[in-house]
């Protein structure tokens, strides 16, 4: 068995625990009622048959929503599965995979499991795209945009320039893009080496269903299809995701509520002396340079409020805070003030 350190997700409280959960970037609002209706009808029908291996109806709905041809779309069991498929399909063992850091730590886990070589290019202090990223001779380059854990974005024009310069496939991981002002899907017609990933976990409030979408040139999609499991997305998930994409106004209203709360949260954190990069995601990164935030995260947890602390170099002085409801954020801020006042 390989000694690769596993990806460590945010803490999941035990069933029945009364906590305010601001540590895993879930949407605090429910999904469209159409999701439950569609899945309920699916439950009433037979589940003895395998699901559609190509998720045809869901891909057609996604094609209509995003303006991308059906043969340029692949559905995954969350975007995490799609990331894994990309490493398997594109990278030879020992090959290079590049990405800027700090970022989504699953990238490193997937590279290590594939026995490939991770080339981690540090972000500068202002979270701008590091120019050296394009110079790496990598088969695969990941760019999380908006980035996790900073919430910052790289402008689309710079992503296009990166696509022109990279040596292999560029994956733009847009898990949080519905909370941002722009997206990379419009690059696909001109850049056949670009893959754009989306998830329904965040903006569509479907983290529990595990639905990811890959958009790319049909040749790249065909390559990913050859390495995916035959029946990777179950019948009920396909029905629920299709229904969610058919009711965009619910998602859009929830996104606007989260954006408004995000603005308030950033302002309050800055008043408390934190530095907060401009976030276009459903979370913020609050830091106090040189001061470990582990005790603060622990004290908040003792008060029933979970936030994410990364005990790694470069992030030990930061907390990542999911944007919850107005009530949840008010409770978090009150608890944070009490913790800080207590030293």
C-alpha atoms as a PDB file:
ATOM      1  CA  UNK A   1       0.000   0.000   0.000  1.00  0.00           C
ATOM      2  CA  UNK A   2       1.337   3.432  -0.923  1.00  0.00           C
ATOM      3  CA  UNK A   3       2.258   5.783   1.911  1.00  0.00           C
ATOM      4  CA  UNK A   4       0.493   8.727   0.249  1.00  0.00           C
ATOM      5  CA  UNK A   5      -1.110  11.041   2.825  1.00  0.00           C
ATOM      6  CA  UNK A   6      -4.880  11.046   2.238  1.00  0.00           C
ATOM      7  CA  UNK A   7      -6.907  14.122   1.428  1.00  0.00           C
ATOM      8  CA  UNK A   8      -8.388  15.417   4.684  1.00  0.00           C
ATOM      9  CA  UNK A   9     -11.859  16.974   4.277  1.00  0.00           C
ATOM     10  CA  UNK A  10     -13.376  19.406   6.731  1.00  0.00           C
ATOM     11  CA  UNK A  11     -14.774  17.976   9.957  1.00  0.00           C
ATOM     12  CA  UNK A  12     -18.196  16.403   9.611  1.00  0.00           C
ATOM     13  CA  UNK A  13     -20.103  16.617  12.919  1.00  0.00           C
ATOM     14  CA  UNK A  14     -21.843  13.553  14.257  1.00  0.00           C
ATOM     15  CA  UNK A  15     -25.532  13.110  13.554  1.00  0.00           C
ATOM     16  CA  UNK A  16     -27.619  15.202  15.903  1.00  0.00           C
ATOM     17  CA  UNK A  17     -24.792  17.567  16.864  1.00  0.00           C
ATOM     18  CA  UNK A  18     -25.974  21.141  17.249  1.00  0.00           C
ATOM     19  CA  UNK A  19     -23.334  23.177  15.461  1.00  0.00           C
ATOM     20  CA  UNK A  20     -23.053  26.049  13.027  1.00  0.00           C
ATOM     21  CA  UNK A  21     -21.121  24.454  10.185  1.00  0.00           C
ATOM     22  CA  UNK A  22     -18.941  26.986   8.368  1.00  0.00           C
ATOM     23  CA  UNK A  23     -16.036  24.707   7.494  1.00  0.00           C
ATOM     24  CA  UNK A  24     -16.885  22.833   4.271  1.00  0.00           C
ATOM     25  CA  UNK A  25     -18.311  25.483   1.916  1.00  0.00           C
ATOM     26  CA  UNK A  26     -21.786  23.994   1.720  1.00  0.00           C
ATOM     27  CA  UNK A  27     -24.704  26.170   0.696  1.00  0.00           C
ATOM     28  CA  UNK A  28     -26.830  27.096   3.740  1.00  0.00           C
ATOM     29  CA  UNK A  29     -30.026  27.235   1.671  1.00  0.00           C
ATOM     30  CA  UNK A  30     -32.057  24.312   0.299  1.00  0.00           C
ATOM     31  CA  UNK A  31     -32.035  23.346  -3.386  1.00  0.00           C
ATOM     32  CA  UNK A  32     -34.918  23.793  -5.777  1.00  0.00           C
ATOM     33  CA  UNK A  33     -38.072  21.918  -4.698  1.00  0.00           C
ATOM     34  CA  UNK A  34     -38.024  20.375  -8.171  1.00  0.00           C
ATOM     35  CA  UNK A  35     -34.996  18.304  -7.098  1.00  0.00           C
ATOM     36  CA  UNK A  36     -36.920  16.474  -4.388  1.00  0.00           C
ATOM     37  CA  UNK A  37     -39.951  16.066  -6.659  1.00  0.00           C
ATOM     38  CA  UNK A  38     -37.850  14.506  -9.425  1.00  0.00           C
ATOM     39  CA  UNK A  39     -36.047  12.186  -7.049  1.00  0.00           C
ATOM     40  CA  UNK A  40     -39.307  11.211  -5.363  1.00  0.00           C
ATOM     41  CA  UNK A  41     -40.753  10.197  -8.692  1.00  0.00           C
ATOM     42  CA  UNK A  42     -37.575   8.233  -9.357  1.00  0.00           C
ATOM     43  CA  UNK A  43     -37.986   6.385  -6.068  1.00  0.00           C
ATOM     44  CA  UNK A  44     -41.508   5.454  -7.063  1.00  0.00           C
ATOM     45  CA  UNK A  45     -40.136   3.875 -10.240  1.00  0.00           C
ATOM     46  CA  UNK A  46     -37.904   0.817 -10.398  1.00  0.00           C
ATOM     47  CA  UNK A  47     -34.351   1.040  -9.132  1.00  0.00           C
ATOM     48  CA  UNK A  48     -33.467  -2.457 -10.272  1.00  0.00           C
ATOM     49  CA  UNK A  49     -31.914  -1.172 -13.519  1.00  0.00           C
ATOM     50  CA  UNK A  50     -28.515   0.393 -13.947  1.00  0.00           C
ATOM     51  CA  UNK A  51     -28.379   4.154 -14.569  1.00  0.00           C
ATOM     52  CA  UNK A  52     -27.695   5.635 -17.992  1.00  0.00           C
ATOM     53  CA  UNK A  53     -23.871   5.328 -18.214  1.00  0.00           C
ATOM     54  CA  UNK A  54     -23.686   8.511 -20.291  1.00  0.00           C
ATOM     55  CA  UNK A  55     -26.191  10.564 -18.225  1.00  0.00           C
ATOM     56  CA  UNK A  56     -27.712  11.598 -21.554  1.00  0.00           C
ATOM     57  CA  UNK A  57     -30.696  13.573 -20.274  1.00  0.00           C
ATOM     58  CA  UNK A  58     -28.535  15.457 -17.759  1.00  0.00           C
ATOM     59  CA  UNK A  59     -25.936  16.264 -20.412  1.00  0.00           C
ATOM     60  CA  UNK A  60     -28.636  17.578 -22.717  1.00  0.00           C
ATOM     61  CA  UNK A  61     -29.965  19.810 -19.955  1.00  0.00           C
ATOM     62  CA  UNK A  62     -26.451  21.040 -19.178  1.00  0.00           C
ATOM     63  CA  UNK A  63     -25.835  21.729 -22.871  1.00  0.00           C
ATOM     64  CA  UNK A  64     -28.950  23.889 -22.964  1.00  0.00           C
ATOM     65  CA  UNK A  65     -28.047  25.779 -19.790  1.00  0.00           C
ATOM     66  CA  UNK A  66     -24.369  26.414 -20.556  1.00  0.00           C
ATOM     67  CA  UNK A  67     -24.430  26.694 -24.353  1.00  0.00           C
ATOM     68  CA  UNK A  68     -21.949  23.850 -24.835  1.00  0.00           C
ATOM     69  CA  UNK A  69     -22.480  20.920 -27.258  1.00  0.00           C
ATOM     70  CA  UNK A  70     -23.626  17.674 -25.683  1.00  0.00           C
ATOM     71  CA  UNK A  71     -20.569  15.800 -26.931  1.00  0.00           C
ATOM     72  CA  UNK A  72     -18.382  18.306 -25.073  1.00  0.00           C
ATOM     73  CA  UNK A  73     -19.818  17.348 -21.651  1.00  0.00           C
ATOM     74  CA  UNK A  74     -19.029  14.518 -19.251  1.00  0.00           C
ATOM     75  CA  UNK A  75     -20.842  13.939 -15.945  1.00  0.00           C
ATOM     76  CA  UNK A  76     -18.885  12.795 -12.916  1.00  0.00           C
ATOM     77  CA  UNK A  77     -19.515  11.638  -9.367  1.00  0.00           C
ATOM     78  CA  UNK A  78     -18.632  15.102  -8.159  1.00  0.00           C
ATOM     79  CA  UNK A  79     -15.895  17.172  -9.763  1.00  0.00           C
ATOM     80  CA  UNK A  80     -13.426  15.245  -7.583  1.00  0.00           C
ATOM     81  CA  UNK A  81     -13.993  12.155  -9.734  1.00  0.00           C
ATOM     82  CA  UNK A  82     -13.430  14.238 -12.849  1.00  0.00           C
ATOM     83  CA  UNK A  83     -10.125  15.500 -11.445  1.00  0.00           C
ATOM     84  CA  UNK A  84      -9.069  11.906 -10.853  1.00  0.00           C
ATOM     85  CA  UNK A  85     -10.080  10.904 -14.385  1.00  0.00           C
ATOM     86  CA  UNK A  86      -8.040  13.757 -15.829  1.00  0.00           C
ATOM     87  CA  UNK A  87      -4.896  12.646 -14.024  1.00  0.00           C
ATOM     88  CA  UNK A  88      -5.427   9.049 -15.178  1.00  0.00           C
ATOM     89  CA  UNK A  89      -6.193   9.979 -18.774  1.00  0.00           C
ATOM     90  CA  UNK A  90      -3.598  12.681 -19.376  1.00  0.00           C
ATOM     91  CA  UNK A  91      -0.571  12.027 -17.162  1.00  0.00           C
ATOM     92  CA  UNK A  92       1.935   9.196 -17.490  1.00  0.00           C
ATOM     93  CA  UNK A  93       3.464   7.865 -14.265  1.00  0.00           C
ATOM     94  CA  UNK A  94       6.352  10.159 -13.469  1.00  0.00           C
ATOM     95  CA  UNK A  95       4.884  12.967 -15.582  1.00  0.00           C
ATOM     96  CA  UNK A  96       4.505  16.505 -14.285  1.00  0.00           C
ATOM     97  CA  UNK A  97       1.317  18.111 -12.987  1.00  0.00           C
ATOM     98  CA  UNK A  98       1.537  21.825 -12.215  1.00  0.00           C
ATOM     99  CA  UNK A  99      -0.637  24.116 -10.122  1.00  0.00           C
ATOM    100  CA  UNK A 100      -0.245  27.263  -8.014  1.00  0.00           C
ATOM    101  CA  UNK A 101      -0.259  26.954  -4.225  1.00  0.00           C
ATOM    102  CA  UNK A 102      -1.875  27.241  -1.756  1.00  0.00           C
ATOM    103  CA  UNK A 103      -4.867  25.671  -3.483  1.00  0.00           C
ATOM    104  CA  UNK A 104      -7.197  22.666  -3.322  1.00  0.00           C
ATOM    105  CA  UNK A 105      -5.081  20.026  -1.604  1.00  0.00           C
ATOM    106  CA  UNK A 106      -6.754  17.096  -3.393  1.00  0.00           C
ATOM    107  CA  UNK A 107      -4.616  17.921  -6.448  1.00  0.00           C
ATOM    108  CA  UNK A 108      -1.471  16.784  -4.636  1.00  0.00           C
ATOM    109  CA  UNK A 109      -3.138  13.613  -3.355  1.00  0.00           C
ATOM    110  CA  UNK A 110      -4.247  12.619  -6.868  1.00  0.00           C
ATOM    111  CA  UNK A 111      -0.799  13.291  -8.303  1.00  0.00           C
ATOM    112  CA  UNK A 112       0.885  11.207  -5.624  1.00  0.00           C
ATOM    113  CA  UNK A 113      -1.544   8.314  -6.040  1.00  0.00           C
ATOM    114  CA  UNK A 114      -0.807   8.270  -9.773  1.00  0.00           C
ATOM    115  CA  UNK A 115       2.929   8.291  -9.028  1.00  0.00           C
ATOM    116  CA  UNK A 116       3.287  11.474 -11.034  1.00  0.00           C
ATOM    117  CA  UNK A 117       5.334  14.548 -10.138  1.00  0.00           C
ATOM    118  CA  UNK A 118       3.717  17.617  -8.562  1.00  0.00           C
ATOM    119  CA  UNK A 119       5.186  20.988  -9.531  1.00  0.00           C
ATOM    120  CA  UNK A 120       3.808  23.506  -7.043  1.00  0.00           C
ATOM    121  CA  UNK A 121       4.281  27.150  -8.032  1.00  0.00           C
ATOM    122  CA  UNK A 122       3.711  29.592  -5.147  1.00  0.00           C
ATOM    123  CA  UNK A 123       1.152  32.349  -5.470  1.00  0.00           C
ATOM    124  CA  UNK A 124       2.587  35.802  -4.725  1.00  0.00           C
ATOM    125  CA  UNK A 125       1.247  37.660  -1.708  1.00  0.00           C
ATOM    126  CA  UNK A 126      -1.488  39.335  -3.755  1.00  0.00           C
ATOM    127  CA  UNK A 127      -2.750  35.976  -5.156  1.00  0.00           C
ATOM    128  CA  UNK A 128      -2.049  36.955  -8.765  1.00  0.00           C
ATOM    129  CA  UNK A 129      -1.367  34.222 -11.319  1.00  0.00           C
ATOM    130  CA  UNK A 130       2.322  33.288 -10.976  1.00  0.00           C
ATOM    131  CA  UNK A 131       4.021  33.707 -14.398  1.00  0.00           C
ATOM    132  CA  UNK A 132       6.206  30.655 -13.785  1.00  0.00           C
ATOM    133  CA  UNK A 133       3.155  28.380 -13.950  1.00  0.00           C
ATOM    134  CA  UNK A 134       3.116  28.574 -17.753  1.00  0.00           C
ATOM    135  CA  UNK A 135       6.799  27.669 -17.970  1.00  0.00           C
ATOM    136  CA  UNK A 136       6.463  24.229 -16.390  1.00  0.00           C
ATOM    137  CA  UNK A 137       6.631  21.404 -18.924  1.00  0.00           C
ATOM    138  CA  UNK A 138       3.587  19.682 -17.468  1.00  0.00           C
ATOM    139  CA  UNK A 139       1.141  17.294 -19.094  1.00  0.00           C
ATOM    140  CA  UNK A 140      -1.600  18.746 -16.911  1.00  0.00           C
ATOM    141  CA  UNK A 141      -2.005  22.130 -15.224  1.00  0.00           C
ATOM    142  CA  UNK A 142      -4.691  22.796 -12.606  1.00  0.00           C
ATOM    143  CA  UNK A 143      -6.056  26.261 -11.891  1.00  0.00           C
ATOM    144  CA  UNK A 144      -8.743  26.519  -9.216  1.00  0.00           C
ATOM    145  CA  UNK A 145     -10.679  29.695 -10.082  1.00  0.00           C
ATOM    146  CA  UNK A 146     -12.001  31.114  -7.781  1.00  0.00           C
ATOM    147  CA  UNK A 147      -9.163  29.652  -5.800  1.00  0.00           C
ATOM    148  CA  UNK A 148      -9.597  27.637  -2.650  1.00  0.00           C
ATOM    149  CA  UNK A 149      -8.823  28.644   0.052  1.00  0.00           C
ATOM    150  CA  UNK A 150      -8.355  32.316  -0.891  1.00  0.00           C
ATOM    151  CA  UNK A 151     -11.555  32.921  -2.908  1.00  0.00           C
ATOM    152  CA  UNK A 152      -9.556  35.082  -5.302  1.00  0.00           C
ATOM    153  CA  UNK A 153      -9.914  34.988  -9.081  1.00  0.00           C
ATOM    154  CA  UNK A 154      -7.605  35.135 -12.069  1.00  0.00           C
ATOM    155  CA  UNK A 155      -9.106  37.262 -14.886  1.00  0.00           C
ATOM    156  CA  UNK A 156     -10.282  35.307 -17.917  1.00  0.00           C
ATOM    157  CA  UNK A 157      -7.870  37.131 -20.235  1.00  0.00           C
ATOM    158  CA  UNK A 158      -4.961  35.838 -18.148  1.00  0.00           C
ATOM    159  CA  UNK A 159      -6.381  32.317 -18.208  1.00  0.00           C
ATOM    160  CA  UNK A 160      -6.557  32.522 -22.001  1.00  0.00           C
ATOM    161  CA  UNK A 161      -2.897  33.555 -22.113  1.00  0.00           C
ATOM    162  CA  UNK A 162      -2.045  30.666 -19.794  1.00  0.00           C
ATOM    163  CA  UNK A 163      -3.911  28.271 -22.117  1.00  0.00           C
ATOM    164  CA  UNK A 164      -1.812  29.505 -25.021  1.00  0.00           C
ATOM    165  CA  UNK A 165       1.444  28.968 -23.141  1.00  0.00           C
ATOM    166  CA  UNK A 166       1.035  25.728 -21.188  1.00  0.00           C
ATOM    167  CA  UNK A 167       2.590  22.590 -22.626  1.00  0.00           C
ATOM    168  CA  UNK A 168      -0.390  20.294 -22.092  1.00  0.00           C
ATOM    169  CA  UNK A 169      -3.976  20.339 -20.856  1.00  0.00           C
ATOM    170  CA  UNK A 170      -5.196  23.238 -18.711  1.00  0.00           C
ATOM    171  CA  UNK A 171      -7.964  22.407 -16.236  1.00  0.00           C
ATOM    172  CA  UNK A 172      -9.907  25.394 -14.917  1.00  0.00           C
ATOM    173  CA  UNK A 173     -11.623  24.152 -11.773  1.00  0.00           C
ATOM    174  CA  UNK A 174     -14.669  26.404 -11.414  1.00  0.00           C
ATOM    175  CA  UNK A 175     -16.326  24.810  -8.378  1.00  0.00           C
ATOM    176  CA  UNK A 176     -17.189  28.250  -6.974  1.00  0.00           C
ATOM    177  CA  UNK A 177     -17.640  30.235 -10.157  1.00  0.00           C
ATOM    178  CA  UNK A 178     -21.366  30.923  -9.749  1.00  0.00           C
ATOM    179  CA  UNK A 179     -20.429  33.253  -6.896  1.00  0.00           C
ATOM    180  CA  UNK A 180     -18.006  35.144  -9.178  1.00  0.00           C
ATOM    181  CA  UNK A 181     -18.422  37.672 -11.969  1.00  0.00           C
ATOM    182  CA  UNK A 182     -16.943  35.752 -14.931  1.00  0.00           C
ATOM    183  CA  UNK A 183     -16.181  32.224 -16.117  1.00  0.00           C
ATOM    184  CA  UNK A 184     -13.942  30.306 -18.524  1.00  0.00           C
ATOM    185  CA  UNK A 185     -16.542  28.395 -20.552  1.00  0.00           C
ATOM    186  CA  UNK A 186     -16.280  30.964 -23.313  1.00  0.00           C
ATOM    187  CA  UNK A 187     -12.648  29.925 -23.869  1.00  0.00           C
ATOM    188  CA  UNK A 188     -13.571  26.421 -25.047  1.00  0.00           C
ATOM    189  CA  UNK A 189     -14.190  27.171 -28.757  1.00  0.00           C
ATOM    190  CA  UNK A 190     -10.715  28.694 -29.150  1.00  0.00           C
ATOM    191  CA  UNK A 191      -8.662  26.496 -26.826  1.00  0.00           C
ATOM    192  CA  UNK A 192      -8.988  22.735 -27.438  1.00  0.00           C
ATOM    193  CA  UNK A 193      -6.545  22.067 -24.580  1.00  0.00           C
ATOM    194  CA  UNK A 194      -8.830  23.615 -21.941  1.00  0.00           C
ATOM    195  CA  UNK A 195     -11.119  21.641 -19.631  1.00  0.00           C
ATOM    196  CA  UNK A 196     -13.603  23.529 -17.445  1.00  0.00           C
ATOM    197  CA  UNK A 197     -14.995  21.767 -14.386  1.00  0.00           C
ATOM    198  CA  UNK A 198     -18.196  22.659 -12.573  1.00  0.00           C
ATOM    199  CA  UNK A 199     -19.997  21.167  -9.590  1.00  0.00           C
ATOM    200  CA  UNK A 200     -23.576  21.322  -8.360  1.00  0.00           C
ATOM    201  CA  UNK A 201     -22.391  21.016  -4.759  1.00  0.00           C
ATOM    202  CA  UNK A 202     -21.967  24.705  -3.990  1.00  0.00           C
ATOM    203  CA  UNK A 203     -24.308  27.091  -5.783  1.00  0.00           C
ATOM    204  CA  UNK A 204     -27.010  24.474  -6.435  1.00  0.00           C
ATOM    205  CA  UNK A 205     -27.015  23.193  -2.820  1.00  0.00           C
ATOM    206  CA  UNK A 206     -26.438  19.572  -3.898  1.00  0.00           C
ATOM    207  CA  UNK A 207     -23.232  18.607  -2.077  1.00  0.00           C
ATOM    208  CA  UNK A 208     -24.909  15.415  -0.916  1.00  0.00           C
ATOM    209  CA  UNK A 209     -25.705  14.231  -4.449  1.00  0.00           C
ATOM    210  CA  UNK A 210     -22.139  14.436  -5.839  1.00  0.00           C
ATOM    211  CA  UNK A 211     -22.532  15.884  -9.345  1.00  0.00           C
ATOM    212  CA  UNK A 212     -19.676  17.254 -11.425  1.00  0.00           C
ATOM    213  CA  UNK A 213     -19.584  18.444 -15.024  1.00  0.00           C
ATOM    214  CA  UNK A 214     -16.565  18.522 -17.341  1.00  0.00           C
ATOM    215  CA  UNK A 215     -16.685  20.732 -20.447  1.00  0.00           C
ATOM    216  CA  UNK A 216     -14.023  20.300 -23.133  1.00  0.00           C
ATOM    217  CA  UNK A 217     -13.296  19.503 -26.768  1.00  0.00           C
ATOM    218  CA  UNK A 218     -15.041  16.218 -27.745  1.00  0.00           C
ATOM    219  CA  UNK A 219     -11.686  14.468 -28.194  1.00  0.00           C
ATOM    220  CA  UNK A 220     -10.745  15.236 -24.589  1.00  0.00           C
ATOM    221  CA  UNK A 221     -14.177  14.135 -23.375  1.00  0.00           C
ATOM    222  CA  UNK A 222     -13.792  10.845 -25.270  1.00  0.00           C
ATOM    223  CA  UNK A 223     -10.454  10.282 -23.577  1.00  0.00           C
ATOM    224  CA  UNK A 224     -11.978  10.812 -20.144  1.00  0.00           C
ATOM    225  CA  UNK A 225     -14.872   8.516 -20.956  1.00  0.00           C
ATOM    226  CA  UNK A 226     -12.477   5.631 -21.602  1.00  0.00           C
ATOM    227  CA  UNK A 227     -11.160   5.714 -18.008  1.00  0.00           C
ATOM    228  CA  UNK A 228     -14.373   6.349 -16.083  1.00  0.00           C
ATOM    229  CA  UNK A 229     -16.448   3.689 -14.354  1.00  0.00           C
ATOM    230  CA  UNK A 230     -19.344   2.439 -16.477  1.00  0.00           C
ATOM    231  CA  UNK A 231     -22.097   3.556 -14.092  1.00  0.00           C
ATOM    232  CA  UNK A 232     -20.447   6.351 -12.162  1.00  0.00           C
ATOM    233  CA  UNK A 233     -23.535   8.509 -11.486  1.00  0.00           C
ATOM    234  CA  UNK A 234     -26.636   6.859 -10.042  1.00  0.00           C
ATOM    235  CA  UNK A 235     -30.188   7.229 -11.354  1.00  0.00           C
ATOM    236  CA  UNK A 236     -31.521   9.453  -8.560  1.00  0.00           C
ATOM    237  CA  UNK A 237     -28.542  11.792  -8.764  1.00  0.00           C
ATOM    238  CA  UNK A 238     -29.037  12.205 -12.496  1.00  0.00           C
ATOM    239  CA  UNK A 239     -32.711  13.036 -11.965  1.00  0.00           C
ATOM    240  CA  UNK A 240     -32.005  15.506  -9.183  1.00  0.00           C
ATOM    241  CA  UNK A 241     -29.241  17.272 -11.063  1.00  0.00           C
ATOM    242  CA  UNK A 242     -31.328  17.590 -14.204  1.00  0.00           C
ATOM    243  CA  UNK A 243     -34.144  19.135 -12.155  1.00  0.00           C
ATOM    244  CA  UNK A 244     -31.761  21.576 -10.459  1.00  0.00           C
ATOM    245  CA  UNK A 245     -30.426  22.791 -13.796  1.00  0.00           C
ATOM    246  CA  UNK A 246     -34.022  23.255 -14.900  1.00  0.00           C
ATOM    247  CA  UNK A 247     -34.717  25.739 -12.095  1.00  0.00           C
ATOM    248  CA  UNK A 248     -31.925  28.310 -12.240  1.00  0.00           C
ATOM    249  CA  UNK A 249     -33.851  31.115 -10.462  1.00  0.00           C
ATOM    250  CA  UNK A 250     -33.680  29.258  -7.134  1.00  0.00           C
ATOM    251  CA  UNK A 251     -29.911  28.875  -7.431  1.00  0.00           C
ATOM    252  CA  UNK A 252     -29.487  32.486  -8.516  1.00  0.00           C
ATOM    253  CA  UNK A 253     -31.509  33.818  -5.567  1.00  0.00           C
ATOM    254  CA  UNK A 254     -29.436  31.790  -3.131  1.00  0.00           C
ATOM    255  CA  UNK A 255     -26.216  33.005  -4.743  1.00  0.00           C
ATOM    256  CA  UNK A 256     -27.279  36.633  -4.381  1.00  0.00           C
ATOM    257  CA  UNK A 257     -28.105  36.107  -0.702  1.00  0.00           C
ATOM    258  CA  UNK A 258     -24.678  34.570  -0.117  1.00  0.00           C
ATOM    259  CA  UNK A 259     -22.922  37.385  -1.970  1.00  0.00           C
ATOM    260  CA  UNK A 260     -24.699  39.983   0.185  1.00  0.00           C
ATOM    261  CA  UNK A 261     -23.779  38.164   3.391  1.00  0.00           C
ATOM    262  CA  UNK A 262     -20.203  37.772   2.145  1.00  0.00           C
ATOM    263  CA  UNK A 263     -19.868  41.548   1.837  1.00  0.00           C
ATOM    264  CA  UNK A 264     -20.990  42.029   5.430  1.00  0.00           C
ATOM    265  CA  UNK A 265     -18.724  39.252   6.697  1.00  0.00           C
ATOM    266  CA  UNK A 266     -15.623  40.685   5.026  1.00  0.00           C
ATOM    267  CA  UNK A 267     -16.293  44.166   6.400  1.00  0.00           C
ATOM    268  CA  UNK A 268     -16.786  42.847   9.944  1.00  0.00           C
ATOM    269  CA  UNK A 269     -13.651  40.702   9.817  1.00  0.00           C
ATOM    270  CA  UNK A 270     -11.582  43.650   8.646  1.00  0.00           C
ATOM    271  CA  UNK A 271     -12.978  45.691  11.537  1.00  0.00           C
ATOM    272  CA  UNK A 272     -11.673  42.973  13.854  1.00  0.00           C
ATOM    273  CA  UNK A 273      -8.180  43.319  12.429  1.00  0.00           C
ATOM    274  CA  UNK A 274      -8.146  40.453   9.928  1.00  0.00           C
ATOM    275  CA  UNK A 275      -6.771  40.724   6.414  1.00  0.00           C
ATOM    276  CA  UNK A 276      -9.244  39.253   3.911  1.00  0.00           C
ATOM    277  CA  UNK A 277      -8.407  38.803   0.207  1.00  0.00           C
ATOM    278  CA  UNK A 278     -11.232  39.831  -2.160  1.00  0.00           C
ATOM    279  CA  UNK A 279     -13.361  36.690  -2.353  1.00  0.00           C
ATOM    280  CA  UNK A 280     -15.596  35.691  -5.258  1.00  0.00           C
ATOM    281  CA  UNK A 281     -16.531  32.360  -3.687  1.00  0.00           C
ATOM    282  CA  UNK A 282     -18.948  31.303  -0.946  1.00  0.00           C
ATOM    283  CA  UNK A 283     -16.191  31.549   1.677  1.00  0.00           C
ATOM    284  CA  UNK A 284     -13.556  33.990   2.843  1.00  0.00           C
ATOM    285  CA  UNK A 285      -9.989  33.601   4.081  1.00  0.00           C
ATOM    286  CA  UNK A 286      -9.324  35.674   7.207  1.00  0.00           C
ATOM    287  CA  UNK A 287      -5.778  35.935   8.456  1.00  0.00           C
ATOM    288  CA  UNK A 288      -3.649  37.629  11.089  1.00  0.00           C
ATOM    289  CA  UNK A 289      -0.090  37.472   9.812  1.00  0.00           C
ATOM    290  CA  UNK A 290       2.238  35.474  12.011  1.00  0.00           C
ATOM    291  CA  UNK A 291      -0.401  34.419  14.553  1.00  0.00           C
ATOM    292  CA  UNK A 292      -1.604  30.828  14.606  1.00  0.00           C
ATOM    293  CA  UNK A 293      -5.361  30.579  14.259  1.00  0.00           C
ATOM    294  CA  UNK A 294      -5.498  27.034  15.638  1.00  0.00           C
ATOM    295  CA  UNK A 295      -6.470  28.204  19.147  1.00  0.00           C
ATOM    296  CA  UNK A 296      -9.149  30.467  17.680  1.00  0.00           C
ATOM    297  CA  UNK A 297     -10.615  27.636  15.610  1.00  0.00           C
ATOM    298  CA  UNK A 298     -10.572  25.398  18.674  1.00  0.00           C
ATOM    299  CA  UNK A 299     -12.273  27.994  20.843  1.00  0.00           C
ATOM    300  CA  UNK A 300     -14.962  28.539  18.219  1.00  0.00           C
ATOM    301  CA  UNK A 301     -15.536  24.768  17.971  1.00  0.00           C
ATOM    302  CA  UNK A 302     -15.995  24.659  21.737  1.00  0.00           C
ATOM    303  CA  UNK A 303     -18.779  27.196  21.225  1.00  0.00           C
ATOM    304  CA  UNK A 304     -20.420  25.031  18.557  1.00  0.00           C
ATOM    305  CA  UNK A 305     -19.105  26.874  15.496  1.00  0.00           C
ATOM    306  CA  UNK A 306     -16.924  25.039  12.983  1.00  0.00           C
ATOM    307  CA  UNK A 307     -14.541  26.912  10.674  1.00  0.00           C
ATOM    308  CA  UNK A 308     -11.601  25.532   8.690  1.00  0.00           C
ATOM    309  CA  UNK A 309      -8.050  25.887   9.914  1.00  0.00           C
ATOM    310  CA  UNK A 310      -5.194  24.498   7.817  1.00  0.00           C
ATOM    311  CA  UNK A 311      -2.243  23.443   9.968  1.00  0.00           C
ATOM    312  CA  UNK A 312       0.198  23.811   7.078  1.00  0.00           C
ATOM    313  CA  UNK A 313       2.976  26.308   6.383  1.00  0.00           C
ATOM    314  CA  UNK A 314       1.652  29.522   4.902  1.00  0.00           C
ATOM    315  CA  UNK A 315      -1.903  29.045   6.136  1.00  0.00           C
ATOM    316  CA  UNK A 316      -1.513  28.482   9.879  1.00  0.00           C
ATOM    317  CA  UNK A 317      -2.359  32.146  10.485  1.00  0.00           C
ATOM    318  CA  UNK A 318      -5.666  31.919   8.598  1.00  0.00           C
ATOM    319  CA  UNK A 319      -9.231  30.719   8.976  1.00  0.00           C
ATOM    320  CA  UNK A 320     -11.438  29.794   6.039  1.00  0.00           C
ATOM    321  CA  UNK A 321     -15.029  30.666   6.804  1.00  0.00           C
ATOM    322  CA  UNK A 322     -18.003  29.500   4.754  1.00  0.00           C
ATOM    323  CA  UNK A 323     -20.630  32.158   4.140  1.00  0.00           C
ATOM    324  CA  UNK A 324     -23.692  30.891   5.987  1.00  0.00           C
ATOM    325  CA  UNK A 325     -27.050  32.529   6.571  1.00  0.00           C
ATOM    326  CA  UNK A 326     -27.183  36.019   8.057  1.00  0.00           C
ATOM    327  CA  UNK A 327     -28.112  34.469  11.408  1.00  0.00           C
ATOM    328  CA  UNK A 328     -25.225  31.995  11.303  1.00  0.00           C
ATOM    329  CA  UNK A 329     -22.715  34.689  10.419  1.00  0.00           C
ATOM    330  CA  UNK A 330     -24.013  36.970  13.168  1.00  0.00           C
ATOM    331  CA  UNK A 331     -23.555  34.132  15.680  1.00  0.00           C
ATOM    332  CA  UNK A 332     -20.074  33.409  14.333  1.00  0.00           C
ATOM    333  CA  UNK A 333     -19.008  37.049  14.590  1.00  0.00           C
ATOM    334  CA  UNK A 334     -20.329  37.324  18.148  1.00  0.00           C
ATOM    335  CA  UNK A 335     -18.412  34.195  19.146  1.00  0.00           C
ATOM    336  CA  UNK A 336     -15.267  35.389  17.379  1.00  0.00           C
ATOM    337  CA  UNK A 337     -15.388  38.724  19.209  1.00  0.00           C
ATOM    338  CA  UNK A 338     -15.712  36.864  22.507  1.00  0.00           C
ATOM    339  CA  UNK A 339     -12.791  34.581  21.674  1.00  0.00           C
ATOM    340  CA  UNK A 340     -10.553  37.475  20.626  1.00  0.00           C
ATOM    341  CA  UNK A 341     -11.524  39.503  23.702  1.00  0.00           C
ATOM    342  CA  UNK A 342     -10.506  36.564  25.866  1.00  0.00           C
ATOM    343  CA  UNK A 343      -7.046  36.533  24.337  1.00  0.00           C
END
